[in-house]
Amino acid sequence: SDMTPSDWLKDAGKEGQRIGYDPKLHTLDGF
């Protein structure tokens, strides 16, 4: 409620970084 994961990633990530994910665990909306 203070910060969503996607907003945190946008703030904490650095341009050019490659972030992995398991496509079987993420909903389409969430991804």
Full PDB file with SEQRES, HELIX, SHEET, SSBOND, CRYST1, ORIGX, SCALE, CONECT and MASTER records, all heavy atoms in Angstrom:
SEQRES   1 A   31  SER ASP MET THR PRO SER ASP TRP LEU LYS ASP ALA GLY          
SEQRES   2 A   31  LYS GLU GLY GLN ARG ILE GLY TYR ASP PRO LYS LEU HIS          
SEQRES   3 A   31  THR LEU ASP GLY PHE                                          
HELIX    1 AA1 PRO A    5  ALA A   12  1                                   8    
CRYST1    1.000    1.000    1.000  90.00  90.00  90.00 P 1           1          
ORIGX1      1.000000  0.000000  0.000000        0.00000                         
ORIGX2      0.000000  1.000000  0.000000        0.00000                         
ORIGX3      0.000000  0.000000  1.000000        0.00000                         
SCALE1      1.000000  0.000000  0.000000        0.00000                         
SCALE2      0.000000  1.000000  0.000000        0.00000                         
SCALE3      0.000000  0.000000  1.000000        0.00000                         
ATOM      1  N   SER A   1       0.824  -1.208   0.000  1.00  0.00           N  
ATOM      2  CA  SER A   1       0.000   0.000   0.000  1.00  0.00           C  
ATOM      3  C   SER A   1       0.860   1.261   0.000  1.00  0.00           C  
ATOM      4  O   SER A   1       0.403   2.341  -0.365  1.00  0.00           O  
ATOM      5  CB  SER A   1      -0.941   0.017   1.206  1.00  0.00           C  
ATOM      6  OG  SER A   1      -0.211   0.074   2.412  1.00  0.00           O  
ATOM      7  N   ASP A   2       2.141   1.111   0.389  1.00  0.00           N  
ATOM      8  CA  ASP A   2       3.071   2.243   0.352  1.00  0.00           C  
ATOM      9  C   ASP A   2       3.772   2.341  -1.003  1.00  0.00           C  
ATOM     10  O   ASP A   2       4.008   3.435  -1.508  1.00  0.00           O  
ATOM     11  CB  ASP A   2       4.116   2.115   1.460  1.00  0.00           C  
ATOM     12  CG  ASP A   2       3.515   2.164   2.850  1.00  0.00           C  
ATOM     13  OD1 ASP A   2       2.486   2.844   3.014  1.00  0.00           O  
ATOM     14  OD2 ASP A   2       4.053   1.519   3.772  1.00  0.00           O  
ATOM     15  N   MET A   3       4.117   1.190  -1.570  1.00  0.00           N  
ATOM     16  CA  MET A   3       4.752   1.161  -2.892  1.00  0.00           C  
ATOM     17  C   MET A   3       4.526  -0.203  -3.529  1.00  0.00           C  
ATOM     18  O   MET A   3       4.737  -1.236  -2.884  1.00  0.00           O  
ATOM     19  CB  MET A   3       6.260   1.446  -2.786  1.00  0.00           C  
ATOM     20  CG  MET A   3       6.985   1.360  -4.127  1.00  0.00           C  
ATOM     21  SD  MET A   3       8.679   1.979  -4.083  1.00  0.00           S  
ATOM     22  CE  MET A   3       8.382   3.742  -4.212  1.00  0.00           C  
ATOM     23  N   THR A   4       4.112  -0.197  -4.777  1.00  0.00           N  
ATOM     24  CA  THR A   4       3.889  -1.461  -5.474  1.00  0.00           C  
ATOM     25  C   THR A   4       5.223  -2.021  -5.967  1.00  0.00           C  
ATOM     26  O   THR A   4       6.186  -1.267  -6.173  1.00  0.00           O  
ATOM     27  CB  THR A   4       2.958  -1.272  -6.677  1.00  0.00           C  
ATOM     28  OG1 THR A   4       3.614  -0.434  -7.645  1.00  0.00           O  
ATOM     29  CG2 THR A   4       1.640  -0.639  -6.258  1.00  0.00           C  
ATOM     30  N   PRO A   5       5.293  -3.333  -6.179  1.00  0.00           N  
ATOM     31  CA  PRO A   5       6.533  -3.904  -6.707  1.00  0.00           C  
ATOM     32  C   PRO A   5       6.968  -3.292  -8.034  1.00  0.00           C  
ATOM     33  O   PRO A   5       8.155  -3.047  -8.256  1.00  0.00           O  
ATOM     34  CB  PRO A   5       6.196  -5.391  -6.868  1.00  0.00           C  
ATOM     35  CG  PRO A   5       5.138  -5.642  -5.853  1.00  0.00           C  
ATOM     36  CD  PRO A   5       4.316  -4.386  -5.812  1.00  0.00           C  
ATOM     37  N   SER A   6       6.014  -3.017  -8.927  1.00  0.00           N  
ATOM     38  CA  SER A   6       6.390  -2.456 -10.231  1.00  0.00           C  
ATOM     39  C   SER A   6       6.956  -1.042 -10.086  1.00  0.00           C  
ATOM     40  O   SER A   6       7.923  -0.682 -10.776  1.00  0.00           O  
ATOM     41  CB  SER A   6       5.186  -2.466 -11.178  1.00  0.00           C  
ATOM     42  OG  SER A   6       4.084  -1.793 -10.603  1.00  0.00           O  
ATOM     43  N   ASP A   7       6.384  -0.260  -9.182  1.00  0.00           N  
ATOM     44  CA  ASP A   7       6.927   1.087  -8.959  1.00  0.00           C  
ATOM     45  C   ASP A   7       8.318   1.021  -8.332  1.00  0.00           C  
ATOM     46  O   ASP A   7       9.207   1.814  -8.670  1.00  0.00           O  
ATOM     47  CB  ASP A   7       5.991   1.896  -8.053  1.00  0.00           C  
ATOM     48  CG  ASP A   7       4.750   2.387  -8.785  1.00  0.00           C  
ATOM     49  OD1 ASP A   7       4.775   2.399 -10.028  1.00  0.00           O  
ATOM     50  OD2 ASP A   7       3.762   2.749  -8.115  1.00  0.00           O  
ATOM     51  N   TRP A   8       8.499   0.076  -7.422  1.00  0.00           N  
ATOM     52  CA  TRP A   8       9.813  -0.088  -6.779  1.00  0.00           C  
ATOM     53  C   TRP A   8      10.859  -0.464  -7.826  1.00  0.00           C  
ATOM     54  O   TRP A   8      11.970   0.057  -7.831  1.00  0.00           O  
ATOM     55  CB  TRP A   8       9.731  -1.152  -5.692  1.00  0.00           C  
ATOM     56  CG  TRP A   8      10.958  -1.282  -4.834  1.00  0.00           C  
ATOM     57  CD1 TRP A   8      11.210  -0.656  -3.655  1.00  0.00           C  
ATOM     58  CD2 TRP A   8      12.090  -2.122  -5.088  1.00  0.00           C  
ATOM     59  NE1 TRP A   8      12.432  -1.043  -3.150  1.00  0.00           N  
ATOM     60  CE2 TRP A   8      12.997  -1.944  -4.020  1.00  0.00           C  
ATOM     61  CE3 TRP A   8      12.440  -3.005  -6.113  1.00  0.00           C  
ATOM     62  CZ2 TRP A   8      14.220  -2.612  -3.941  1.00  0.00           C  
ATOM     63  CZ3 TRP A   8      13.658  -3.676  -6.040  1.00  0.00           C  
ATOM     64  CH2 TRP A   8      14.533  -3.478  -4.969  1.00  0.00           C  
ATOM     65  N   LEU A   9      10.496  -1.391  -8.717  1.00  0.00           N  
ATOM     66  CA  LEU A   9      11.429  -1.812  -9.760  1.00  0.00           C  
ATOM     67  C   LEU A   9      11.795  -0.634 -10.651  1.00  0.00           C  
ATOM     68  O   LEU A   9      12.970  -0.454 -11.016  1.00  0.00           O  
ATOM     69  CB  LEU A   9      10.812  -2.928 -10.594  1.00  0.00           C  
ATOM     70  CG  LEU A   9      11.661  -3.438 -11.759  1.00  0.00           C  
ATOM     71  CD1 LEU A   9      12.933  -4.113 -11.259  1.00  0.00           C  
ATOM     72  CD2 LEU A   9      10.853  -4.411 -12.629  1.00  0.00           C  
ATOM     73  N   LYS A  10      10.822   0.177 -10.995  1.00  0.00           N  
ATOM     74  CA  LYS A  10      11.076   1.335 -11.850  1.00  0.00           C  
ATOM     75  C   LYS A  10      12.056   2.305 -11.181  1.00  0.00           C  
ATOM     76  O   LYS A  10      12.944   2.861 -11.835  1.00  0.00           O  
ATOM     77  CB  LYS A  10       9.755   2.044 -12.155  1.00  0.00           C  
ATOM     78  CG  LYS A  10       9.883   3.229 -13.097  1.00  0.00           C  
ATOM     79  CD  LYS A  10       8.518   3.739 -13.545  1.00  0.00           C  
ATOM     80  CE  LYS A  10       7.703   4.241 -12.371  1.00  0.00           C  
ATOM     81  NZ  LYS A  10       6.419   4.841 -12.820  1.00  0.00           N  
ATOM     82  N   ASP A  11      11.916   2.485  -9.854  1.00  0.00           N  
ATOM     83  CA  ASP A  11      12.788   3.412  -9.137  1.00  0.00           C  
ATOM     84  C   ASP A  11      14.161   2.818  -8.847  1.00  0.00           C  
ATOM     85  O   ASP A  11      15.181   3.519  -8.905  1.00  0.00           O  
ATOM     86  CB  ASP A  11      12.137   3.834  -7.813  1.00  0.00           C  
ATOM     87  CG  ASP A  11      10.912   4.693  -8.017  1.00  0.00           C  
ATOM     88  OD1 ASP A  11      10.707   5.174  -9.151  1.00  0.00           O  
ATOM     89  OD2 ASP A  11      10.141   4.870  -7.044  1.00  0.00           O  
ATOM     90  N   ALA A  12      14.195   1.513  -8.514  1.00  0.00           N  
ATOM     91  CA  ALA A  12      15.447   0.905  -8.064  1.00  0.00           C  
ATOM     92  C   ALA A  12      16.302   0.362  -9.209  1.00  0.00           C  
ATOM     93  O   ALA A  12      17.528   0.250  -9.079  1.00  0.00           O  
ATOM     94  CB  ALA A  12      15.154  -0.211  -7.063  1.00  0.00           C  
ATOM     95  N   GLY A  13      15.676  -0.003 -10.325  1.00  0.00           N  
ATOM     96  CA  GLY A  13      16.434  -0.557 -11.436  1.00  0.00           C  
ATOM     97  C   GLY A  13      17.268   0.493 -12.160  1.00  0.00           C  
ATOM     98  O   GLY A  13      16.992   1.688 -12.087  1.00  0.00           O  
ATOM     99  N   LYS A  14      18.308   0.014 -12.842  1.00  0.00           N  
ATOM    100  CA  LYS A  14      19.188   0.912 -13.599  1.00  0.00           C  
ATOM    101  C   LYS A  14      19.041   0.617 -15.085  1.00  0.00           C  
ATOM    102  O   LYS A  14      18.928  -0.539 -15.499  1.00  0.00           O  
ATOM    103  CB  LYS A  14      20.641   0.711 -13.158  1.00  0.00           C  
ATOM    104  CG  LYS A  14      20.878   1.048 -11.687  1.00  0.00           C  
ATOM    105  CD  LYS A  14      22.320   0.756 -11.288  1.00  0.00           C  
ATOM    106  CE  LYS A  14      22.549   1.065  -9.809  1.00  0.00           C  
ATOM    107  NZ  LYS A  14      23.936   0.742  -9.380  1.00  0.00           N  
ATOM    108  N   GLU A  15      19.067   1.664 -15.861  1.00  0.00           N  
ATOM    109  CA  GLU A  15      18.879   1.526 -17.301  1.00  0.00           C  
ATOM    110  C   GLU A  15      19.838   0.485 -17.874  1.00  0.00           C  
ATOM    111  O   GLU A  15      21.023   0.455 -17.547  1.00  0.00           O  
ATOM    112  CB  GLU A  15      19.094   2.874 -17.985  1.00  0.00           C  
ATOM    113  CG  GLU A  15      18.759   2.859 -19.467  1.00  0.00           C  
ATOM    114  CD  GLU A  15      18.811   4.230 -20.098  1.00  0.00           C  
ATOM    115  OE1 GLU A  15      19.086   5.213 -19.363  1.00  0.00           O  
ATOM    116  OE2 GLU A  15      18.581   4.324 -21.310  1.00  0.00           O  
ATOM    117  N   GLY A  16      19.304  -0.369 -18.721  1.00  0.00           N  
ATOM    118  CA  GLY A  16      20.110  -1.410 -19.360  1.00  0.00           C  
ATOM    119  C   GLY A  16      20.127  -2.731 -18.615  1.00  0.00           C  
ATOM    120  O   GLY A  16      20.618  -3.726 -19.158  1.00  0.00           O  
ATOM    121  N   GLN A  17      19.603  -2.774 -17.400  1.00  0.00           N  
ATOM    122  CA  GLN A  17      19.623  -4.030 -16.645  1.00  0.00           C  
ATOM    123  C   GLN A  17      18.645  -5.035 -17.235  1.00  0.00           C  
ATOM    124  O   GLN A  17      17.595  -4.674 -17.784  1.00  0.00           O  
ATOM    125  CB  GLN A  17      19.291  -3.767 -15.171  1.00  0.00           C  
ATOM    126  CG  GLN A  17      20.430  -3.133 -14.385  1.00  0.00           C  
ATOM    127  CD  GLN A  17      20.122  -3.037 -12.900  1.00  0.00           C  
ATOM    128  OE1 GLN A  17      18.984  -2.776 -12.497  1.00  0.00           O  
ATOM    129  NE2 GLN A  17      21.127  -3.232 -12.070  1.00  0.00           N  
ATOM    130  N   ARG A  18      19.003  -6.318 -17.099  1.00  0.00           N  
ATOM    131  CA  ARG A  18      18.171  -7.418 -17.582  1.00  0.00           C  
ATOM    132  C   ARG A  18      17.602  -8.159 -16.367  1.00  0.00           C  
ATOM    133  O   ARG A  18      18.345  -8.680 -15.538  1.00  0.00           O  
ATOM    134  CB  ARG A  18      18.990  -8.368 -18.456  1.00  0.00           C  
ATOM    135  CG  ARG A  18      19.628  -7.664 -19.651  1.00  0.00           C  
ATOM    136  CD  ARG A  18      20.517  -8.598 -20.449  1.00  0.00           C  
ATOM    137  NE  ARG A  18      19.749  -9.547 -21.255  1.00  0.00           N  
ATOM    138  CZ  ARG A  18      19.758 -10.861 -21.066  1.00  0.00           C  
ATOM    139  NH1 ARG A  18      20.480 -11.402 -20.098  1.00  0.00           N  
ATOM    140  NH2 ARG A  18      19.034 -11.657 -21.857  1.00  0.00           N  
ATOM    141  N   ILE A  19      16.278  -8.193 -16.266  1.00  0.00           N  
ATOM    142  CA  ILE A  19      15.591  -8.759 -15.099  1.00  0.00           C  
ATOM    143  C   ILE A  19      14.873 -10.036 -15.526  1.00  0.00           C  
ATOM    144  O   ILE A  19      14.020 -10.013 -16.428  1.00  0.00           O  
ATOM    145  CB  ILE A  19      14.578  -7.760 -14.512  1.00  0.00           C  
ATOM    146  CG1 ILE A  19      15.222  -6.378 -14.306  1.00  0.00           C  
ATOM    147  CG2 ILE A  19      13.988  -8.299 -13.220  1.00  0.00           C  
ATOM    148  CD1 ILE A  19      16.384  -6.355 -13.341  1.00  0.00           C  
ATOM    149  N   GLY A  20      15.194 -11.139 -14.898  1.00  0.00           N  
ATOM    150  CA  GLY A  20      14.583 -12.416 -15.238  1.00  0.00           C  
ATOM    151  C   GLY A  20      13.265 -12.644 -14.527  1.00  0.00           C  
ATOM    152  O   GLY A  20      12.994 -12.065 -13.471  1.00  0.00           O  
ATOM    153  N   TYR A  21      12.437 -13.500 -15.107  1.00  0.00           N  
ATOM    154  CA  TYR A  21      11.176 -13.884 -14.465  1.00  0.00           C  
ATOM    155  C   TYR A  21      10.746 -15.242 -15.002  1.00  0.00           C  
ATOM    156  O   TYR A  21      11.142 -15.672 -16.091  1.00  0.00           O  
ATOM    157  CB  TYR A  21      10.081 -12.834 -14.706  1.00  0.00           C  
ATOM    158  CG  TYR A  21       9.580 -12.769 -16.127  1.00  0.00           C  
ATOM    159  CD1 TYR A  21       8.410 -13.430 -16.507  1.00  0.00           C  
ATOM    160  CD2 TYR A  21      10.275 -12.046 -17.109  1.00  0.00           C  
ATOM    161  CE1 TYR A  21       7.958 -13.372 -17.817  1.00  0.00           C  
ATOM    162  CE2 TYR A  21       9.819 -11.983 -18.413  1.00  0.00           C  
ATOM    163  CZ  TYR A  21       8.659 -12.656 -18.756  1.00  0.00           C  
ATOM    164  OH  TYR A  21       8.203 -12.618 -20.051  1.00  0.00           O  
ATOM    165  N   ASP A  22       9.942 -15.939 -14.222  1.00  0.00           N  
ATOM    166  CA  ASP A  22       9.395 -17.237 -14.599  1.00  0.00           C  
ATOM    167  C   ASP A  22       7.992 -16.997 -15.157  1.00  0.00           C  
ATOM    168  O   ASP A  22       7.073 -16.653 -14.412  1.00  0.00           O  
ATOM    169  CB  ASP A  22       9.335 -18.145 -13.368  1.00  0.00           C  
ATOM    170  CG  ASP A  22       8.841 -19.547 -13.683  1.00  0.00           C  
ATOM    171  OD1 ASP A  22       8.217 -19.740 -14.738  1.00  0.00           O  
ATOM    172  OD2 ASP A  22       9.063 -20.462 -12.848  1.00  0.00           O  
ATOM    173  N   PRO A  23       7.776 -17.158 -16.454  1.00  0.00           N  
ATOM    174  CA  PRO A  23       6.476 -16.808 -17.054  1.00  0.00           C  
ATOM    175  C   PRO A  23       5.321 -17.693 -16.588  1.00  0.00           C  
ATOM    176  O   PRO A  23       4.162 -17.350 -16.821  1.00  0.00           O  
ATOM    177  CB  PRO A  23       6.731 -16.967 -18.557  1.00  0.00           C  
ATOM    178  CG  PRO A  23       7.886 -17.907 -18.656  1.00  0.00           C  
ATOM    179  CD  PRO A  23       8.741 -17.643 -17.463  1.00  0.00           C  
ATOM    180  N   LYS A  24       5.615 -18.807 -15.915  1.00  0.00           N  
ATOM    181  CA  LYS A  24       4.533 -19.655 -15.415  1.00  0.00           C  
ATOM    182  C   LYS A  24       3.974 -19.163 -14.079  1.00  0.00           C  
ATOM    183  O   LYS A  24       2.934 -19.653 -13.634  1.00  0.00           O  
ATOM    184  CB  LYS A  24       5.029 -21.098 -15.261  1.00  0.00           C  
ATOM    185  CG  LYS A  24       5.323 -21.784 -16.589  1.00  0.00           C  
ATOM    186  CD  LYS A  24       5.744 -23.219 -16.380  1.00  0.00           C  
ATOM    187  CE  LYS A  24       6.006 -23.910 -17.724  1.00  0.00           C  
ATOM    188  NZ  LYS A  24       6.451 -25.315 -17.535  1.00  0.00           N  
ATOM    189  N   LEU A  25       4.660 -18.203 -13.457  1.00  0.00           N  
ATOM    190  CA  LEU A  25       4.248 -17.747 -12.129  1.00  0.00           C  
ATOM    191  C   LEU A  25       3.616 -16.363 -12.136  1.00  0.00           C  
ATOM    192  O   LEU A  25       3.075 -15.934 -11.110  1.00  0.00           O  
ATOM    193  CB  LEU A  25       5.450 -17.739 -11.171  1.00  0.00           C  
ATOM    194  CG  LEU A  25       6.193 -19.062 -10.972  1.00  0.00           C  
ATOM    195  CD1 LEU A  25       7.260 -18.904  -9.906  1.00  0.00           C  
ATOM    196  CD2 LEU A  25       5.222 -20.189 -10.610  1.00  0.00           C  
ATOM    197  N   HIS A  26       3.681 -15.662 -13.240  1.00  0.00           N  
ATOM    198  CA  HIS A  26       3.155 -14.298 -13.315  1.00  0.00           C  
ATOM    199  C   HIS A  26       1.875 -14.271 -14.138  1.00  0.00           C  
ATOM    200  O   HIS A  26       1.833 -14.801 -15.255  1.00  0.00           O  
ATOM    201  CB  HIS A  26       4.173 -13.358 -13.969  1.00  0.00           C  
ATOM    202  CG  HIS A  26       5.414 -13.165 -13.164  1.00  0.00           C  
ATOM    203  ND1 HIS A  26       5.611 -12.071 -12.356  1.00  0.00           N  
ATOM    204  CD2 HIS A  26       6.520 -13.947 -13.026  1.00  0.00           C  
ATOM    205  CE1 HIS A  26       6.798 -12.173 -11.762  1.00  0.00           C  
ATOM    206  NE2 HIS A  26       7.361 -13.303 -12.152  1.00  0.00           N  
ATOM    207  N   THR A  27       0.828 -13.641 -13.589  1.00  0.00           N  
ATOM    208  CA  THR A  27      -0.389 -13.473 -14.378  1.00  0.00           C  
ATOM    209  C   THR A  27      -0.114 -12.497 -15.515  1.00  0.00           C  
ATOM    210  O   THR A  27       0.807 -11.675 -15.456  1.00  0.00           O  
ATOM    211  CB  THR A  27      -1.541 -12.935 -13.520  1.00  0.00           C  
ATOM    212  OG1 THR A  27      -1.226 -11.600 -13.087  1.00  0.00           O  
ATOM    213  CG2 THR A  27      -1.794 -13.820 -12.311  1.00  0.00           C  
ATOM    214  N   LEU A  28      -0.941 -12.582 -16.532  1.00  0.00           N  
ATOM    215  CA  LEU A  28      -0.767 -11.699 -17.684  1.00  0.00           C  
ATOM    216  C   LEU A  28      -0.930 -10.235 -17.273  1.00  0.00           C  
ATOM    217  O   LEU A  28      -0.128  -9.378 -17.662  1.00  0.00           O  
ATOM    218  CB  LEU A  28      -1.776 -12.071 -18.768  1.00  0.00           C  
ATOM    219  CG  LEU A  28      -1.659 -11.332 -20.107  1.00  0.00           C  
ATOM    220  CD1 LEU A  28      -0.271 -11.482 -20.690  1.00  0.00           C  
ATOM    221  CD2 LEU A  28      -2.716 -11.861 -21.082  1.00  0.00           C  
ATOM    222  N   ASP A  29      -1.947  -9.948 -16.471  1.00  0.00           N  
ATOM    223  CA  ASP A  29      -2.147  -8.575 -16.000  1.00  0.00           C  
ATOM    224  C   ASP A  29      -0.962  -8.092 -15.177  1.00  0.00           C  
ATOM    225  O   ASP A  29      -0.469  -6.970 -15.357  1.00  0.00           O  
ATOM    226  CB  ASP A  29      -3.415  -8.482 -15.147  1.00  0.00           C  
ATOM    227  CG  ASP A  29      -4.679  -8.369 -15.982  1.00  0.00           C  
ATOM    228  OD1 ASP A  29      -4.568  -8.193 -17.208  1.00  0.00           O  
ATOM    229  OD2 ASP A  29      -5.774  -8.446 -15.398  1.00  0.00           O  
ATOM    230  N   GLY A  30      -0.509  -8.929 -14.262  1.00  0.00           N  
ATOM    231  CA  GLY A  30       0.606  -8.544 -13.394  1.00  0.00           C  
ATOM    232  C   GLY A  30       1.877  -8.307 -14.183  1.00  0.00           C  
ATOM    233  O   GLY A  30       2.614  -7.340 -13.930  1.00  0.00           O  
ATOM    234  N   PHE A  31       2.129  -9.175 -15.149  1.00  0.00           N  
ATOM    235  CA  PHE A  31       3.344  -9.019 -15.956  1.00  0.00           C  
ATOM    236  C   PHE A  31       3.308  -7.717 -16.753  1.00  0.00           C  
ATOM    237  O   PHE A  31       4.327  -7.029 -16.887  1.00  0.00           O  
ATOM    238  CB  PHE A  31       3.498 -10.200 -16.906  1.00  0.00           C  
ATOM    239  CG  PHE A  31       4.588 -10.004 -17.919  1.00  0.00           C  
ATOM    240  CD1 PHE A  31       5.919 -10.116 -17.550  1.00  0.00           C  
ATOM    241  CD2 PHE A  31       4.280  -9.664 -19.231  1.00  0.00           C  
ATOM    242  CE1 PHE A  31       6.927  -9.908 -18.481  1.00  0.00           C  
ATOM    243  CE2 PHE A  31       5.280  -9.460 -20.158  1.00  0.00           C  
ATOM    244  CZ  PHE A  31       6.611  -9.577 -19.784  1.00  0.00           C  
TER     245      PHE A  31                                                      
MASTER        0    0    0    1    0    0    0    6  244    1    0    3          
END                                                                             
